[in-house]
C-alpha atoms as a PDB file:
ATOM      1  CA  MET A   1     -26.117   8.750 -10.972  1.00  0.00           C
ATOM      2  CA  ARG A   2     -24.009  10.977  -9.629  1.00  0.00           C
ATOM      3  CA  LEU A   3     -24.347  13.444 -12.413  1.00  0.00           C
ATOM      4  CA  ASP A   4     -26.490  16.232 -10.831  1.00  0.00           C
ATOM      5  CA  LEU A   5     -29.065  16.229 -13.771  1.00  0.00           C
ATOM      6  CA  GLU A   6     -31.491  18.735 -12.221  1.00  0.00           C
ATOM      7  CA  ARG A   7     -28.884  21.156 -11.974  1.00  0.00           C
ATOM      8  CA  ALA A   8     -27.496  20.312 -15.359  1.00  0.00           C
ATOM      9  CA  ALA A   9     -30.785  20.917 -17.121  1.00  0.00           C
ATOM     10  CA  ALA A  10     -31.231  24.015 -14.961  1.00  0.00           C
ATOM     11  CA  GLU A  11     -28.101  26.045 -16.215  1.00  0.00           C
ATOM     12  CA  LEU A  12     -27.703  24.114 -19.053  1.00  0.00           C
ATOM     13  CA  GLY A  13     -31.312  25.016 -20.721  1.00  0.00           C
ATOM     14  CA  ASP A  14     -34.045  23.970 -23.013  1.00  0.00           C
ATOM     15  CA  ASP A  15     -31.678  24.068 -25.801  1.00  0.00           C
ATOM     16  CA  HIS A  16     -29.545  20.682 -24.728  1.00  0.00           C
ATOM     17  CA  VAL A  17     -30.889  16.739 -24.393  1.00  0.00           C
ATOM     18  CA  LEU A  18     -28.768  14.449 -22.541  1.00  0.00           C
ATOM     19  CA  LEU A  19     -29.258  11.124 -23.973  1.00  0.00           C
ATOM     20  CA  ILE A  20     -28.709   8.457 -21.503  1.00  0.00           C
ATOM     21  CA  ARG A  21     -27.430   4.430 -22.633  1.00  0.00           C
ATOM     22  CA  ARG A  22     -26.595   2.590 -19.431  1.00  0.00           C
ATOM     23  CA  HIS A  23     -24.444  -0.494 -19.521  1.00  0.00           C
ATOM     24  CA  PRO A  24     -26.903  -3.608 -20.448  1.00  0.00           C
ATOM     25  CA  ASN A  25     -25.425  -4.849 -17.057  1.00  0.00           C
ATOM     26  CA  VAL A  26     -26.711  -1.667 -15.260  1.00  0.00           C
ATOM     27  CA  VAL A  27     -29.962  -2.116 -13.213  1.00  0.00           C
ATOM     28  CA  ASP A  28     -30.675   1.311 -11.919  1.00  0.00           C
ATOM     29  CA  THR A  29     -33.455   3.211 -13.817  1.00  0.00           C
ATOM     30  CA  VAL A  30     -32.698   6.845 -15.549  1.00  0.00           C
ATOM     31  CA  PRO A  31     -33.866   9.576 -13.593  1.00  0.00           C
ATOM     32  CA  GLU A  32     -36.748  11.476 -15.001  1.00  0.00           C
ATOM     33  CA  VAL A  33     -35.997  15.159 -15.067  1.00  0.00           C
ATOM     34  CA  ALA A  34     -38.282  18.124 -15.942  1.00  0.00           C
ATOM     35  CA  GLY A  35     -38.948  19.574 -18.905  1.00  0.00           C
ATOM     36  CA  GLY A  36     -37.503  16.528 -21.000  1.00  0.00           C
ATOM     37  CA  PHE A  37     -33.659  17.030 -20.422  1.00  0.00           C
ATOM     38  CA  VAL A  38     -32.937  13.685 -19.816  1.00  0.00           C
ATOM     39  CA  ARG A  39     -33.710  10.701 -22.609  1.00  0.00           C
ATOM     40  CA  ASP A  40     -33.353   7.540 -21.488  1.00  0.00           C
ATOM     41  CA  VAL A  41     -32.336   5.487 -24.430  1.00  0.00           C
ATOM     42  CA  SER A  42     -30.792   2.179 -23.266  1.00  0.00           C
ATOM     43  CA  ALA A  43     -32.818  -0.428 -25.393  1.00  0.00           C
ATOM     44  CA  TYR A  44     -32.650   2.016 -28.398  1.00  0.00           C
ATOM     45  CA  PRO A  45     -30.903  -0.849 -30.864  1.00  0.00           C
ATOM     46  CA  ASP A  46     -28.679   1.105 -32.798  1.00  0.00           C
ATOM     47  CA  ILE A  47     -25.498   3.213 -30.769  1.00  0.00           C
ATOM     48  CA  ALA A  48     -24.438   4.118 -34.229  1.00  0.00           C
ATOM     49  CA  GLU A  49     -27.456   6.273 -35.185  1.00  0.00           C
ATOM     50  CA  LEU A  50     -27.380   8.131 -31.398  1.00  0.00           C
ATOM     51  CA  PHE A  51     -23.794   8.887 -32.577  1.00  0.00           C
ATOM     52  CA  LEU A  52     -24.704  10.455 -35.319  1.00  0.00           C
ATOM     53  CA  VAL A  53     -27.554  12.607 -33.699  1.00  0.00           C
ATOM     54  CA  SER A  54     -25.055  13.420 -30.897  1.00  0.00           C
ATOM     55  CA  ASP A  55     -23.264  16.544 -30.720  1.00  0.00           C
ATOM     56  CA  VAL A  56     -20.833  15.512 -27.791  1.00  0.00           C
ATOM     57  CA  LEU A  57     -20.058  12.111 -26.061  1.00  0.00           C
ATOM     58  CA  MET A  58     -20.055  12.033 -22.156  1.00  0.00           C
ATOM     59  CA  THR A  59     -18.938   8.666 -20.876  1.00  0.00           C
ATOM     60  CA  ASP A  60     -16.695   7.430 -18.441  1.00  0.00           C
ATOM     61  CA  TYR A  61     -14.297   4.574 -19.265  1.00  0.00           C
ATOM     62  CA  SER A  62     -16.249   3.431 -22.063  1.00  0.00           C
ATOM     63  CA  SER A  63     -14.996   1.010 -25.099  1.00  0.00           C
ATOM     64  CA  LEU A  64     -17.533   3.618 -27.052  1.00  0.00           C
ATOM     65  CA  MET A  65     -14.590   6.189 -26.924  1.00  0.00           C
ATOM     66  CA  PHE A  66     -12.945   4.246 -29.958  1.00  0.00           C
ATOM     67  CA  ASP A  67     -15.974   4.070 -31.985  1.00  0.00           C
ATOM     68  CA  TYR A  68     -16.776   7.606 -31.348  1.00  0.00           C
ATOM     69  CA  ALA A  69     -13.981   9.326 -32.362  1.00  0.00           C
ATOM     70  CA  SER A  70     -14.722   8.174 -35.647  1.00  0.00           C
ATOM     71  CA  THR A  71     -17.269  11.182 -36.000  1.00  0.00           C
ATOM     72  CA  GLY A  72     -14.569  14.109 -34.879  1.00  0.00           C
ATOM     73  CA  ARG A  73     -16.922  15.442 -32.249  1.00  0.00           C
ATOM     74  CA  PRO A  74     -15.694  16.120 -28.519  1.00  0.00           C
ATOM     75  CA  MET A  75     -15.773  13.720 -25.905  1.00  0.00           C
ATOM     76  CA  LEU A  76     -15.902  14.377 -22.119  1.00  0.00           C
ATOM     77  CA  PHE A  77     -14.991  11.578 -19.636  1.00  0.00           C
ATOM     78  CA  PHE A  78     -17.098  11.730 -16.409  1.00  0.00           C
ATOM     79  CA  THR A  79     -14.457   9.797 -14.103  1.00  0.00           C
ATOM     80  CA  TYR A  80     -14.984  10.474 -10.486  1.00  0.00           C
ATOM     81  CA  ASP A  81     -14.054   7.256  -9.758  1.00  0.00           C
ATOM     82  CA  LEU A  82     -11.112   7.198 -11.425  1.00  0.00           C
ATOM     83  CA  GLU A  83      -8.586   5.645  -8.797  1.00  0.00           C
ATOM     84  CA  HIS A  84     -11.132   3.536  -7.575  1.00  0.00           C
ATOM     85  CA  TYR A  85     -11.663   1.891 -11.625  1.00  0.00           C
ATOM     86  CA  ARG A  86      -8.201   2.298 -12.221  1.00  0.00           C
ATOM     87  CA  ASP A  87      -6.490   0.729  -8.843  1.00  0.00           C
ATOM     88  CA  GLU A  88      -9.195  -1.736  -8.044  1.00  0.00           C
ATOM     89  CA  LEU A  89     -11.885  -2.634 -10.764  1.00  0.00           C
ATOM     90  CA  ARG A  90     -10.868  -3.120 -14.047  1.00  0.00           C
ATOM     91  CA  GLY A  91      -7.826  -0.690 -14.808  1.00  0.00           C
ATOM     92  CA  PHE A  92      -6.497   0.317 -18.200  1.00  0.00           C
ATOM     93  CA  TYR A  93      -4.900  -1.007 -21.726  1.00  0.00           C
ATOM     94  CA  PHE A  94      -3.566   2.153 -22.498  1.00  0.00           C
ATOM     95  CA  ASP A  95      -2.377   5.224 -20.573  1.00  0.00           C
ATOM     96  CA  PHE A  96      -5.670   6.509 -20.272  1.00  0.00           C
ATOM     97  CA  GLU A  97      -5.130   9.442 -18.004  1.00  0.00           C
ATOM     98  CA  HIS A  98      -2.716  10.916 -20.714  1.00  0.00           C
ATOM     99  CA  GLU A  99      -4.124  10.084 -23.764  1.00  0.00           C
ATOM    100  CA  ALA A 100      -8.030  10.716 -23.309  1.00  0.00           C
ATOM    101  CA  PRO A 101      -9.045  12.259 -26.305  1.00  0.00           C
ATOM    102  CA  GLY A 102     -11.107  14.925 -23.896  1.00  0.00           C
ATOM    103  CA  PRO A 103     -10.803  15.781 -20.219  1.00  0.00           C
ATOM    104  CA  LEU A 104     -11.458  13.839 -17.263  1.00  0.00           C
ATOM    105  CA  LEU A 105     -14.338  15.206 -15.434  1.00  0.00           C
ATOM    106  CA  GLY A 106     -14.449  14.870 -11.565  1.00  0.00           C
ATOM    107  CA  THR A 107     -17.765  16.798 -11.057  1.00  0.00           C
ATOM    108  CA  SER A 108     -21.071  17.733 -11.999  1.00  0.00           C
ATOM    109  CA  ASP A 109     -19.733  21.621 -12.244  1.00  0.00           C
ATOM    110  CA  GLU A 110     -16.984  20.462 -14.262  1.00  0.00           C
ATOM    111  CA  VAL A 111     -19.541  18.584 -16.783  1.00  0.00           C
ATOM    112  CA  ILE A 112     -21.911  21.465 -16.971  1.00  0.00           C
ATOM    113  CA  GLU A 113     -19.104  24.092 -17.491  1.00  0.00           C
ATOM    114  CA  ALA A 114     -17.056  21.434 -19.971  1.00  0.00           C
ATOM    115  CA  LEU A 115     -21.046  21.403 -22.010  1.00  0.00           C
ATOM    116  CA  ARG A 116     -21.118  24.987 -21.879  1.00  0.00           C
ATOM    117  CA  SER A 117     -18.157  25.490 -23.620  1.00  0.00           C
ATOM    118  CA  ILE A 118     -17.457  22.544 -25.570  1.00  0.00           C
ATOM    119  CA  ASP A 119     -16.265  24.635 -28.280  1.00  0.00           C
ATOM    120  CA  ASP A 120     -13.363  25.872 -26.626  1.00  0.00           C
ATOM    121  CA  VAL A 121     -12.947  21.776 -25.068  1.00  0.00           C
ATOM    122  CA  GLY A 122     -12.882  20.727 -28.632  1.00  0.00           C
ATOM    123  CA  ARG A 123     -10.235  23.335 -29.570  1.00  0.00           C
ATOM    124  CA  ALA A 124      -8.068  22.524 -26.253  1.00  0.00           C
ATOM    125  CA  TYR A 125      -8.357  18.762 -26.978  1.00  0.00           C
ATOM    126  CA  ALA A 126      -7.776  19.248 -30.772  1.00  0.00           C
ATOM    127  CA  ALA A 127      -3.984  17.420 -30.689  1.00  0.00           C
ATOM    128  CA  PRO A 128      -4.795  14.774 -28.251  1.00  0.00           C
ATOM    129  CA  TYR A 129      -8.007  13.964 -30.217  1.00  0.00           C
ATOM    130  CA  GLU A 130      -5.697  13.239 -33.285  1.00  0.00           C
ATOM    131  CA  GLN A 131      -3.124  11.444 -31.342  1.00  0.00           C
ATOM    132  CA  PHE A 132      -5.994   9.248 -30.183  1.00  0.00           C
ATOM    133  CA  THR A 133      -7.879   8.607 -33.860  1.00  0.00           C
ATOM    134  CA  ARG A 134      -4.182   8.228 -35.458  1.00  0.00           C
ATOM    135  CA  ARG A 135      -2.974   5.329 -32.941  1.00  0.00           C
ATOM    136  CA  PHE A 136      -6.372   3.689 -32.066  1.00  0.00           C
ATOM    137  CA  CYS A 137      -8.486   4.648 -34.971  1.00  0.00           C
ATOM    138  CA  GLU A 138      -6.123   4.378 -38.026  1.00  0.00           C
ATOM    139  CA  LEU A 139      -8.533   2.308 -40.274  1.00  0.00           C
ATOM    140  CA  ASP A 140     -11.422   4.046 -39.421  1.00  0.00           C
ATOM    141  CA  ASP A 141     -11.703   6.420 -42.710  1.00  0.00           C
ATOM    142  CA  GLY A 142     -14.945   4.826 -44.398  1.00  0.00           C
ATOM    143  CA  LYS A 143     -12.946   3.178 -46.833  1.00  0.00           C
ATOM    144  CA  ALA A 144     -12.463  -0.255 -44.770  1.00  0.00           C
ATOM    145  CA  ALA A 145     -14.687  -2.130 -47.523  1.00  0.00           C
ATOM    146  CA  SER A 146     -13.165  -0.730 -50.344  1.00  0.00           C
ATOM    147  CA  ARG A 147      -9.709  -2.211 -48.725  1.00  0.00           C
ATOM    148  CA  VAL A 148     -10.885  -5.729 -48.425  1.00  0.00           C
ATOM    149  CA  VAL A 149     -12.642  -6.286 -51.879  1.00  0.00           C
ATOM    150  CA  ASP A 150      -9.144  -4.700 -53.267  1.00  0.00           C
ATOM    151  CA  ARG A 151      -7.213  -7.079 -51.086  1.00  0.00           C
ATOM    152  CA  ILE A 152      -9.432 -10.077 -51.941  1.00  0.00           C
ATOM    153  CA  LEU A 153      -9.204  -8.881 -55.945  1.00  0.00           C
ATOM    154  CA  ARG A 154      -5.535  -9.008 -55.528  1.00  0.00           C
ATOM    155  CA  SER A 155      -5.649 -12.002 -53.990  1.00  0.00           C
ATOM    156  CA  GLY A 156      -7.152 -13.740 -56.728  1.00  0.00           C
END
């Protein structure tokens, strides 16, 4: 894992817990860090429940960003391998580097600082976050079932 978890635990303190959910295709184990700072939740069956208990999403390029956006909570993107991912692996379906709803962070130092000042990060990215949700999550307003029922009733 590229993130220095020991240092993050030492610098962020006991009031932070990092829930790690590995991609299903990743076989590496989640490192143990003293004091319970890191919890492996890879086997937890419902990602939506994990969203509910989280204060911030830290991800790389995962499509989870689209689902998490409906929470309105901050997102951080640990993109230490951005050029490799963009140019050699998969690329993006949208201009990720300009439209991501949170900062692109390349080092453990940047991640730790962003977590330490997450309220400032949220304020700094309020406009890009709003643009992202307007573009990609317009219908994620909690009223989807109502719209389906209305449409069924209207179509008779």
